[in-house]
PDB file of all heavy atoms in Angstrom:
ATOM      1  N   SER A   1     -11.452   3.562  22.480  1.00  0.00           N
ATOM      2  CA  SER A   1     -11.600   3.134  21.084  1.00  0.00           C
ATOM      3  C   SER A   1     -11.050   4.190  20.126  1.00  0.00           C
ATOM      4  O   SER A   1     -10.347   3.864  19.162  1.00  0.00           O
ATOM      5  CB  SER A   1     -13.070   2.872  20.755  1.00  0.00           C
ATOM      6  OG  SER A   1     -13.557   1.819  21.528  1.00  0.00           O
ATOM      7  N   ILE A   2     -11.345   5.451  20.379  1.00  0.00           N
ATOM      8  CA  ILE A   2     -10.855   6.542  19.527  1.00  0.00           C
ATOM      9  C   ILE A   2      -9.335   6.630  19.633  1.00  0.00           C
ATOM     10  O   ILE A   2      -8.628   6.774  18.636  1.00  0.00           O
ATOM     11  CB  ILE A   2     -11.536   7.878  19.910  1.00  0.00           C
ATOM     12  CG1 ILE A   2     -13.013   7.837  19.529  1.00  0.00           C
ATOM     13  CG2 ILE A   2     -10.838   9.058  19.241  1.00  0.00           C
ATOM     14  CD1 ILE A   2     -13.809   9.018  20.043  1.00  0.00           C
ATOM     15  N   THR A   3      -8.806   6.506  20.823  1.00  0.00           N
ATOM     16  CA  THR A   3      -7.353   6.558  21.023  1.00  0.00           C
ATOM     17  C   THR A   3      -6.685   5.383  20.322  1.00  0.00           C
ATOM     18  O   THR A   3      -5.650   5.529  19.652  1.00  0.00           O
ATOM     19  CB  THR A   3      -7.019   6.545  22.531  1.00  0.00           C
ATOM     20  OG1 THR A   3      -7.691   7.622  23.166  1.00  0.00           O
ATOM     21  CG2 THR A   3      -5.521   6.677  22.742  1.00  0.00           C
ATOM     22  N   ALA A   4      -7.257   4.191  20.471  1.00  0.00           N
ATOM     23  CA  ALA A   4      -6.685   3.002  19.814  1.00  0.00           C
ATOM     24  C   ALA A   4      -6.749   3.162  18.299  1.00  0.00           C
ATOM     25  O   ALA A   4      -5.811   2.774  17.585  1.00  0.00           O
ATOM     26  CB  ALA A   4      -7.435   1.751  20.252  1.00  0.00           C
ATOM     27  N   TYR A   5      -7.840   3.691  17.780  1.00  0.00           N
ATOM     28  CA  TYR A   5      -7.961   3.894  16.329  1.00  0.00           C
ATOM     29  C   TYR A   5      -6.887   4.854  15.833  1.00  0.00           C
ATOM     30  O   TYR A   5      -6.217   4.584  14.840  1.00  0.00           O
ATOM     31  CB  TYR A   5      -9.361   4.424  15.981  1.00  0.00           C
ATOM     32  CG  TYR A   5      -9.478   4.809  14.531  1.00  0.00           C
ATOM     33  CD1 TYR A   5      -9.633   3.829  13.556  1.00  0.00           C
ATOM     34  CD2 TYR A   5      -9.393   6.138  14.113  1.00  0.00           C
ATOM     35  CE1 TYR A   5      -9.722   4.159  12.223  1.00  0.00           C
ATOM     36  CE2 TYR A   5      -9.468   6.484  12.781  1.00  0.00           C
ATOM     37  CZ  TYR A   5      -9.644   5.491  11.838  1.00  0.00           C
ATOM     38  OH  TYR A   5      -9.713   5.822  10.517  1.00  0.00           O
ATOM     39  N   LYS A   6      -6.727   6.008  16.544  1.00  0.00           N
ATOM     40  CA  LYS A   6      -5.758   7.002  16.107  1.00  0.00           C
ATOM     41  C   LYS A   6      -4.334   6.479  16.211  1.00  0.00           C
ATOM     42  O   LYS A   6      -3.501   6.787  15.364  1.00  0.00           O
ATOM     43  CB  LYS A   6      -5.897   8.295  16.928  1.00  0.00           C
ATOM     44  CG  LYS A   6      -7.076   9.133  16.522  1.00  0.00           C
ATOM     45  CD  LYS A   6      -7.058  10.465  17.231  1.00  0.00           C
ATOM     46  CE  LYS A   6      -8.181  11.340  16.732  1.00  0.00           C
ATOM     47  NZ  LYS A   6      -8.155  12.640  17.347  1.00  0.00           N
ATOM     48  N   ARG A   7      -4.027   5.705  17.257  1.00  0.00           N
ATOM     49  CA  ARG A   7      -2.655   5.245  17.448  1.00  0.00           C
ATOM     50  C   ARG A   7      -2.329   4.009  16.622  1.00  0.00           C
ATOM     51  O   ARG A   7      -1.214   3.880  16.152  1.00  0.00           O
ATOM     52  CB  ARG A   7      -2.417   4.938  18.922  1.00  0.00           C
ATOM     53  CG  ARG A   7      -2.562   6.160  19.759  1.00  0.00           C
ATOM     54  CD  ARG A   7      -1.876   5.979  21.037  1.00  0.00           C
ATOM     55  NE  ARG A   7      -0.978   7.118  21.128  1.00  0.00           N
ATOM     56  CZ  ARG A   7       0.069   7.173  21.873  1.00  0.00           C
ATOM     57  NH1 ARG A   7       0.409   6.156  22.566  1.00  0.00           N
ATOM     58  NH2 ARG A   7       0.813   8.225  21.918  1.00  0.00           N
ATOM     59  N   SER A   8      -3.229   3.105  16.424  1.00  0.00           N
ATOM     60  CA  SER A   8      -2.895   1.827  15.782  1.00  0.00           C
ATOM     61  C   SER A   8      -3.598   1.631  14.447  1.00  0.00           C
ATOM     62  O   SER A   8      -2.961   1.409  13.423  1.00  0.00           O
ATOM     63  CB  SER A   8      -3.262   0.668  16.704  1.00  0.00           C
ATOM     64  OG  SER A   8      -2.559   0.756  17.900  1.00  0.00           O
ATOM     65  N   PHE A   9      -4.887   1.662  14.476  1.00  0.00           N
ATOM     66  CA  PHE A   9      -5.646   1.271  13.284  1.00  0.00           C
ATOM     67  C   PHE A   9      -5.548   2.281  12.151  1.00  0.00           C
ATOM     68  O   PHE A   9      -5.485   1.905  10.984  1.00  0.00           O
ATOM     69  CB  PHE A   9      -7.120   1.015  13.662  1.00  0.00           C
ATOM     70  CG  PHE A   9      -7.276  -0.128  14.603  1.00  0.00           C
ATOM     71  CD1 PHE A   9      -7.757   0.076  15.892  1.00  0.00           C
ATOM     72  CD2 PHE A   9      -6.940  -1.418  14.227  1.00  0.00           C
ATOM     73  CE1 PHE A   9      -7.898  -0.970  16.769  1.00  0.00           C
ATOM     74  CE2 PHE A   9      -7.088  -2.472  15.100  1.00  0.00           C
ATOM     75  CZ  PHE A   9      -7.565  -2.248  16.382  1.00  0.00           C
ATOM     76  N   HIS A  10      -5.523   3.570  12.459  1.00  0.00           N
ATOM     77  CA  HIS A  10      -5.409   4.593  11.420  1.00  0.00           C
ATOM     78  C   HIS A  10      -4.090   4.429  10.656  1.00  0.00           C
ATOM     79  O   HIS A  10      -4.055   4.457   9.433  1.00  0.00           O
ATOM     80  CB  HIS A  10      -5.518   5.989  12.054  1.00  0.00           C
ATOM     81  CG  HIS A  10      -5.408   7.107  11.056  1.00  0.00           C
ATOM     82  ND1 HIS A  10      -6.364   7.312  10.096  1.00  0.00           N
ATOM     83  CD2 HIS A  10      -4.455   8.073  10.867  1.00  0.00           C
ATOM     84  CE1 HIS A  10      -6.005   8.346   9.352  1.00  0.00           C
ATOM     85  NE2 HIS A  10      -4.845   8.833   9.803  1.00  0.00           N
ATOM     86  N   THR A  11      -2.988   4.218  11.379  1.00  0.00           N
ATOM     87  CA  THR A  11      -1.684   3.995  10.755  1.00  0.00           C
ATOM     88  C   THR A  11      -1.697   2.706   9.934  1.00  0.00           C
ATOM     89  O   THR A  11      -1.134   2.648   8.838  1.00  0.00           O
ATOM     90  CB  THR A  11      -0.596   3.923  11.837  1.00  0.00           C
ATOM     91  OG1 THR A  11      -0.688   5.074  12.668  1.00  0.00           O
ATOM     92  CG2 THR A  11       0.789   3.848  11.230  1.00  0.00           C
ATOM     93  N   LEU A  12      -2.350   1.679  10.472  1.00  0.00           N
ATOM     94  CA  LEU A  12      -2.446   0.409   9.749  1.00  0.00           C
ATOM     95  C   LEU A  12      -3.172   0.589   8.422  1.00  0.00           C
ATOM     96  O   LEU A  12      -2.739   0.077   7.381  1.00  0.00           O
ATOM     97  CB  LEU A  12      -3.164  -0.643  10.611  1.00  0.00           C
ATOM     98  CG  LEU A  12      -3.429  -1.983   9.930  1.00  0.00           C
ATOM     99  CD1 LEU A  12      -2.114  -2.709   9.673  1.00  0.00           C
ATOM    100  CD2 LEU A  12      -4.357  -2.828  10.789  1.00  0.00           C
ATOM    101  N   PHE A  13      -4.255   1.318   8.424  1.00  0.00           N
ATOM    102  CA  PHE A  13      -5.003   1.545   7.183  1.00  0.00           C
ATOM    103  C   PHE A  13      -4.176   2.348   6.167  1.00  0.00           C
ATOM    104  O   PHE A  13      -4.220   2.084   4.970  1.00  0.00           O
ATOM    105  CB  PHE A  13      -6.338   2.241   7.472  1.00  0.00           C
ATOM    106  CG  PHE A  13      -7.315   1.379   8.226  1.00  0.00           C
ATOM    107  CD1 PHE A  13      -8.108   1.914   9.232  1.00  0.00           C
ATOM    108  CD2 PHE A  13      -7.450   0.027   7.946  1.00  0.00           C
ATOM    109  CE1 PHE A  13      -9.008   1.136   9.937  1.00  0.00           C
ATOM    110  CE2 PHE A  13      -8.350  -0.764   8.638  1.00  0.00           C
ATOM    111  CZ  PHE A  13      -9.133  -0.208   9.645  1.00  0.00           C
ATOM    112  N   GLN A  14      -3.424   3.333   6.650  1.00  0.00           N
ATOM    113  CA  GLN A  14      -2.554   4.102   5.753  1.00  0.00           C
ATOM    114  C   GLN A  14      -1.464   3.213   5.149  1.00  0.00           C
ATOM    115  O   GLN A  14      -1.167   3.303   3.958  1.00  0.00           O
ATOM    116  CB  GLN A  14      -1.901   5.271   6.498  1.00  0.00           C
ATOM    117  CG  GLN A  14      -2.818   6.426   6.768  1.00  0.00           C
ATOM    118  CD  GLN A  14      -2.099   7.536   7.531  1.00  0.00           C
ATOM    119  OE1 GLN A  14      -1.115   7.278   8.231  1.00  0.00           O
ATOM    120  NE2 GLN A  14      -2.605   8.755   7.394  1.00  0.00           N
ATOM    121  N   VAL A  15      -0.870   2.353   5.959  1.00  0.00           N
ATOM    122  CA  VAL A  15       0.167   1.444   5.466  1.00  0.00           C
ATOM    123  C   VAL A  15      -0.430   0.482   4.431  1.00  0.00           C
ATOM    124  O   VAL A  15       0.196   0.186   3.412  1.00  0.00           O
ATOM    125  CB  VAL A  15       0.825   0.685   6.653  1.00  0.00           C
ATOM    126  CG1 VAL A  15       1.686  -0.470   6.176  1.00  0.00           C
ATOM    127  CG2 VAL A  15       1.650   1.641   7.497  1.00  0.00           C
ATOM    128  N   MET A  16      -1.634   0.004   4.672  1.00  0.00           N
ATOM    129  CA  MET A  16      -2.281  -0.908   3.718  1.00  0.00           C
ATOM    130  C   MET A  16      -2.564  -0.200   2.388  1.00  0.00           C
ATOM    131  O   MET A  16      -2.369  -0.784   1.317  1.00  0.00           O
ATOM    132  CB  MET A  16      -3.579  -1.477   4.320  1.00  0.00           C
ATOM    133  CG  MET A  16      -3.316  -2.503   5.421  1.00  0.00           C
ATOM    134  SD  MET A  16      -4.814  -3.118   6.205  1.00  0.00           S
ATOM    135  CE  MET A  16      -5.626  -3.922   4.867  1.00  0.00           C
ATOM    136  N   GLU A  17      -3.008   1.050   2.434  1.00  0.00           N
ATOM    137  CA  GLU A  17      -3.237   1.818   1.207  1.00  0.00           C
ATOM    138  C   GLU A  17      -1.934   2.022   0.443  1.00  0.00           C
ATOM    139  O   GLU A  17      -1.878   1.865  -0.785  1.00  0.00           O
ATOM    140  CB  GLU A  17      -3.862   3.178   1.538  1.00  0.00           C
ATOM    141  CG  GLU A  17      -5.314   3.122   1.914  1.00  0.00           C
ATOM    142  CD  GLU A  17      -5.853   4.496   2.290  1.00  0.00           C
ATOM    143  OE1 GLU A  17      -5.282   5.519   1.822  1.00  0.00           O
ATOM    144  OE2 GLU A  17      -6.828   4.546   3.052  1.00  0.00           O
ATOM    145  N   GLU A  18      -0.860   2.382   1.162  1.00  0.00           N
ATOM    146  CA  GLU A  18       0.435   2.579   0.513  1.00  0.00           C
ATOM    147  C   GLU A  18       0.958   1.262  -0.067  1.00  0.00           C
ATOM    148  O   GLU A  18       1.506   1.236  -1.170  1.00  0.00           O
ATOM    149  CB  GLU A  18       1.438   3.148   1.514  1.00  0.00           C
ATOM    150  CG  GLU A  18       2.750   3.550   0.887  1.00  0.00           C
ATOM    151  CD  GLU A  18       3.678   4.247   1.873  1.00  0.00           C
ATOM    152  OE1 GLU A  18       3.226   4.693   2.940  1.00  0.00           O
ATOM    153  OE2 GLU A  18       4.874   4.333   1.549  1.00  0.00           O
ATOM    154  N   TYR A  19       0.756   0.161   0.642  1.00  0.00           N
ATOM    155  CA  TYR A  19       1.175  -1.148   0.143  1.00  0.00           C
ATOM    156  C   TYR A  19       0.438  -1.485  -1.157  1.00  0.00           C
ATOM    157  O   TYR A  19       1.053  -1.964  -2.118  1.00  0.00           O
ATOM    158  CB  TYR A  19       0.917  -2.223   1.206  1.00  0.00           C
ATOM    159  CG  TYR A  19       1.144  -3.623   0.704  1.00  0.00           C
ATOM    160  CD1 TYR A  19       2.435  -4.129   0.571  1.00  0.00           C
ATOM    161  CD2 TYR A  19       0.077  -4.434   0.341  1.00  0.00           C
ATOM    162  CE1 TYR A  19       2.649  -5.402   0.098  1.00  0.00           C
ATOM    163  CE2 TYR A  19       0.283  -5.710  -0.144  1.00  0.00           C
ATOM    164  CZ  TYR A  19       1.574  -6.191  -0.260  1.00  0.00           C
ATOM    165  OH  TYR A  19       1.787  -7.460  -0.733  1.00  0.00           O
ATOM    166  N   ASN A  20      -0.835  -1.239  -1.211  1.00  0.00           N
ATOM    167  CA  ASN A  20      -1.614  -1.521  -2.431  1.00  0.00           C
ATOM    168  C   ASN A  20      -1.143  -0.652  -3.598  1.00  0.00           C
ATOM    169  O   ASN A  20      -1.026  -1.129  -4.728  1.00  0.00           O
ATOM    170  CB  ASN A  20      -3.105  -1.320  -2.173  1.00  0.00           C
ATOM    171  CG  ASN A  20      -3.683  -2.394  -1.275  1.00  0.00           C
ATOM    172  OD1 ASN A  20      -3.128  -3.489  -1.177  1.00  0.00           O
ATOM    173  ND2 ASN A  20      -4.777  -2.084  -0.603  1.00  0.00           N
ATOM    174  N   ALA A  21      -0.844   0.620  -3.332  1.00  0.00           N
ATOM    175  CA  ALA A  21      -0.367   1.507  -4.397  1.00  0.00           C
ATOM    176  C   ALA A  21       1.000   1.052  -4.900  1.00  0.00           C
ATOM    177  O   ALA A  21       1.244   1.002  -6.124  1.00  0.00           O
ATOM    178  CB  ALA A  21      -0.301   2.944  -3.890  1.00  0.00           C
ATOM    179  N   LEU A  22       1.896   0.681  -3.989  1.00  0.00           N
ATOM    180  CA  LEU A  22       3.219   0.215  -4.395  1.00  0.00           C
ATOM    181  C   LEU A  22       3.139  -1.131  -5.104  1.00  0.00           C
ATOM    182  O   LEU A  22       3.904  -1.383  -6.054  1.00  0.00           O
ATOM    183  CB  LEU A  22       4.152   0.126  -3.186  1.00  0.00           C
ATOM    184  CG  LEU A  22       4.560   1.465  -2.567  1.00  0.00           C
ATOM    185  CD1 LEU A  22       5.381   1.237  -1.296  1.00  0.00           C
ATOM    186  CD2 LEU A  22       5.330   2.307  -3.554  1.00  0.00           C
ATOM    187  N   SER A  23       2.249  -1.979  -4.700  1.00  0.00           N
ATOM    188  CA  SER A  23       2.068  -3.271  -5.390  1.00  0.00           C
ATOM    189  C   SER A  23       1.603  -3.052  -6.821  1.00  0.00           C
ATOM    190  O   SER A  23       2.050  -3.749  -7.742  1.00  0.00           O
ATOM    191  CB  SER A  23       1.053  -4.143  -4.649  1.00  0.00           C
ATOM    192  OG  SER A  23       1.543  -4.508  -3.385  1.00  0.00           O
ATOM    193  N   ALA A  24       0.729  -2.079  -7.038  1.00  0.00           N
ATOM    194  CA  ALA A  24       0.277  -1.759  -8.398  1.00  0.00           C
ATOM    195  C   ALA A  24       1.443  -1.230  -9.231  1.00  0.00           C
ATOM    196  O   ALA A  24       1.593  -1.580 -10.408  1.00  0.00           O
ATOM    197  CB  ALA A  24      -0.857  -0.744  -8.353  1.00  0.00           C
ATOM    198  N   LYS A  25       2.304  -0.405  -8.637  1.00  0.00           N
ATOM    199  CA  LYS A  25       3.471   0.117  -9.359  1.00  0.00           C
ATOM    200  C   LYS A  25       4.443  -1.006  -9.709  1.00  0.00           C
ATOM    201  O   LYS A  25       4.996  -1.042 -10.813  1.00  0.00           O
ATOM    202  CB  LYS A  25       4.191   1.190  -8.541  1.00  0.00           C
ATOM    203  CG  LYS A  25       3.474   2.514  -8.497  1.00  0.00           C
ATOM    204  CD  LYS A  25       4.262   3.544  -7.729  1.00  0.00           C
ATOM    205  CE  LYS A  25       3.515   4.864  -7.682  1.00  0.00           C
ATOM    206  NZ  LYS A  25       4.264   5.890  -6.943  1.00  0.00           N
ATOM    207  N   VAL A  26       4.662  -1.932  -8.788  1.00  0.00           N
ATOM    208  CA  VAL A  26       5.551  -3.069  -9.044  1.00  0.00           C
ATOM    209  C   VAL A  26       4.993  -3.917 -10.185  1.00  0.00           C
ATOM    210  O   VAL A  26       5.738  -4.352 -11.075  1.00  0.00           O
ATOM    211  CB  VAL A  26       5.754  -3.909  -7.758  1.00  0.00           C
ATOM    212  CG1 VAL A  26       6.363  -5.269  -8.067  1.00  0.00           C
ATOM    213  CG2 VAL A  26       6.628  -3.167  -6.782  1.00  0.00           C
ATOM    214  N   ALA A  27       3.701  -4.159 -10.173  1.00  0.00           N
ATOM    215  CA  ALA A  27       3.077  -4.943 -11.244  1.00  0.00           C
ATOM    216  C   ALA A  27       3.245  -4.229 -12.588  1.00  0.00           C
ATOM    217  O   ALA A  27       3.522  -4.876 -13.609  1.00  0.00           O
ATOM    218  CB  ALA A  27       1.605  -5.185 -10.937  1.00  0.00           C
ATOM    219  N   ASP A  28       3.096  -2.907 -12.600  1.00  0.00           N
ATOM    220  CA  ASP A  28       3.268  -2.137 -13.829  1.00  0.00           C
ATOM    221  C   ASP A  28       4.710  -2.203 -14.329  1.00  0.00           C
ATOM    222  O   ASP A  28       4.969  -2.380 -15.519  1.00  0.00           O
ATOM    223  CB  ASP A  28       2.852  -0.680 -13.580  1.00  0.00           C
ATOM    224  CG  ASP A  28       2.817   0.137 -14.853  1.00  0.00           C
ATOM    225  OD1 ASP A  28       2.351  -0.389 -15.882  1.00  0.00           O
ATOM    226  OD2 ASP A  28       3.255   1.307 -14.808  1.00  0.00           O
ATOM    227  N   ILE A  29       5.673  -2.082 -13.421  1.00  0.00           N
ATOM    228  CA  ILE A  29       7.094  -2.165 -13.797  1.00  0.00           C
ATOM    229  C   ILE A  29       7.417  -3.550 -14.334  1.00  0.00           C
ATOM    230  O   ILE A  29       8.121  -3.690 -15.341  1.00  0.00           O
ATOM    231  CB  ILE A  29       7.994  -1.796 -12.592  1.00  0.00           C
ATOM    232  CG1 ILE A  29       7.892  -0.300 -12.301  1.00  0.00           C
ATOM    233  CG2 ILE A  29       9.437  -2.205 -12.839  1.00  0.00           C
ATOM    234  CD1 ILE A  29       8.550   0.131 -11.014  1.00  0.00           C
ATOM    235  N   ASN A  30       6.920  -4.592 -13.699  1.00  0.00           N
ATOM    236  CA  ASN A  30       7.160  -5.956 -14.184  1.00  0.00           C
ATOM    237  C   ASN A  30       6.540  -6.179 -15.556  1.00  0.00           C
ATOM    238  O   ASN A  30       7.128  -6.850 -16.409  1.00  0.00           O
ATOM    239  CB  ASN A  30       6.625  -6.989 -13.195  1.00  0.00           C
ATOM    240  CG  ASN A  30       7.479  -7.078 -11.949  1.00  0.00           C
ATOM    241  OD1 ASN A  30       8.650  -6.710 -11.964  1.00  0.00           O
ATOM    242  ND2 ASN A  30       6.888  -7.540 -10.860  1.00  0.00           N
ATOM    243  N   LYS A  31       5.381  -5.609 -15.774  1.00  0.00           N
ATOM    244  CA  LYS A  31       4.730  -5.728 -17.084  1.00  0.00           C
ATOM    245  C   LYS A  31       5.576  -5.051 -18.154  1.00  0.00           C
ATOM    246  O   LYS A  31       5.774  -5.588 -19.243  1.00  0.00           O
ATOM    247  CB  LYS A  31       3.340  -5.082 -17.011  1.00  0.00           C
ATOM    248  CG  LYS A  31       2.558  -5.137 -18.289  1.00  0.00           C
ATOM    249  CD  LYS A  31       1.207  -4.467 -18.092  1.00  0.00           C
ATOM    250  CE  LYS A  31       0.518  -4.246 -19.393  1.00  0.00           C
ATOM    251  NZ  LYS A  31      -0.722  -3.488 -19.241  1.00  0.00           N
ATOM    252  N   LYS A  32       6.121  -3.876 -17.845  1.00  0.00           N
ATOM    253  CA  LYS A  32       6.975  -3.171 -18.807  1.00  0.00           C
ATOM    254  C   LYS A  32       8.284  -3.918 -19.026  1.00  0.00           C
ATOM    255  O   LYS A  32       8.792  -3.958 -20.137  1.00  0.00           O
ATOM    256  CB  LYS A  32       7.243  -1.741 -18.334  1.00  0.00           C
ATOM    257  CG  LYS A  32       6.034  -0.853 -18.418  1.00  0.00           C
ATOM    258  CD  LYS A  32       6.300   0.531 -17.907  1.00  0.00           C
ATOM    259  CE  LYS A  32       5.042   1.376 -17.977  1.00  0.00           C
ATOM    260  NZ  LYS A  32       5.240   2.695 -17.399  1.00  0.00           N
ATOM    261  N   ALA A  33       8.843  -4.504 -17.974  1.00  0.00           N
ATOM    262  CA  ALA A  33      10.090  -5.260 -18.114  1.00  0.00           C
ATOM    263  C   ALA A  33       9.875  -6.487 -18.992  1.00  0.00           C
ATOM    264  O   ALA A  33      10.738  -6.840 -19.797  1.00  0.00           O
ATOM    265  CB  ALA A  33      10.613  -5.664 -16.743  1.00  0.00           C
ATOM    266  N   ASN A  34       8.745  -7.145 -18.868  1.00  0.00           N
ATOM    267  CA  ASN A  34       8.450  -8.303 -19.714  1.00  0.00           C
ATOM    268  C   ASN A  34       8.246  -7.886 -21.158  1.00  0.00           C
ATOM    269  O   ASN A  34       8.481  -8.667 -22.076  1.00  0.00           O
ATOM    270  CB  ASN A  34       7.222  -9.041 -19.193  1.00  0.00           C
ATOM    271  CG  ASN A  34       7.492  -9.750 -17.887  1.00  0.00           C
ATOM    272  OD1 ASN A  34       8.630 -10.049 -17.567  1.00  0.00           O
ATOM    273  ND2 ASN A  34       6.444 -10.005 -17.129  1.00  0.00           N
ATOM    274  N   ASN A  35       7.810  -6.657 -21.370  1.00  0.00           N
ATOM    275  CA  ASN A  35       7.558  -6.161 -22.722  1.00  0.00           C
ATOM    276  C   ASN A  35       8.861  -5.825 -23.448  1.00  0.00           C
ATOM    277  O   ASN A  35       8.875  -5.744 -24.669  1.00  0.00           O
ATOM    278  CB  ASN A  35       6.642  -4.935 -22.658  1.00  0.00           C
ATOM    279  CG  ASN A  35       6.073  -4.580 -23.995  1.00  0.00           C
ATOM    280  OD1 ASN A  35       5.957  -5.430 -24.871  1.00  0.00           O
ATOM    281  ND2 ASN A  35       5.724  -3.328 -24.168  1.00  0.00           N
ATOM    282  N   THR A  36       9.975  -5.654 -22.742  1.00  0.00           N
ATOM    283  CA  THR A  36      11.237  -5.302 -23.397  1.00  0.00           C
ATOM    284  C   THR A  36      11.725  -6.411 -24.319  1.00  0.00           C
ATOM    285  O   THR A  36      12.322  -6.127 -25.354  1.00  0.00           O
ATOM    286  CB  THR A  36      12.341  -4.971 -22.373  1.00  0.00           C
ATOM    287  OG1 THR A  36      12.534  -6.080 -21.505  1.00  0.00           O
ATOM    288  CG2 THR A  36      11.998  -3.734 -21.575  1.00  0.00           C
TER     289      THR A  36
END
């Protein structure tokens, strides 16, 4: 379980966090583009 977490699930959680942060940035950029 620890090996599976370190090899698969830990990376998955990091990718999900990065995806959420990038999605927030995209939403912010789109909001600014609509404001132009």
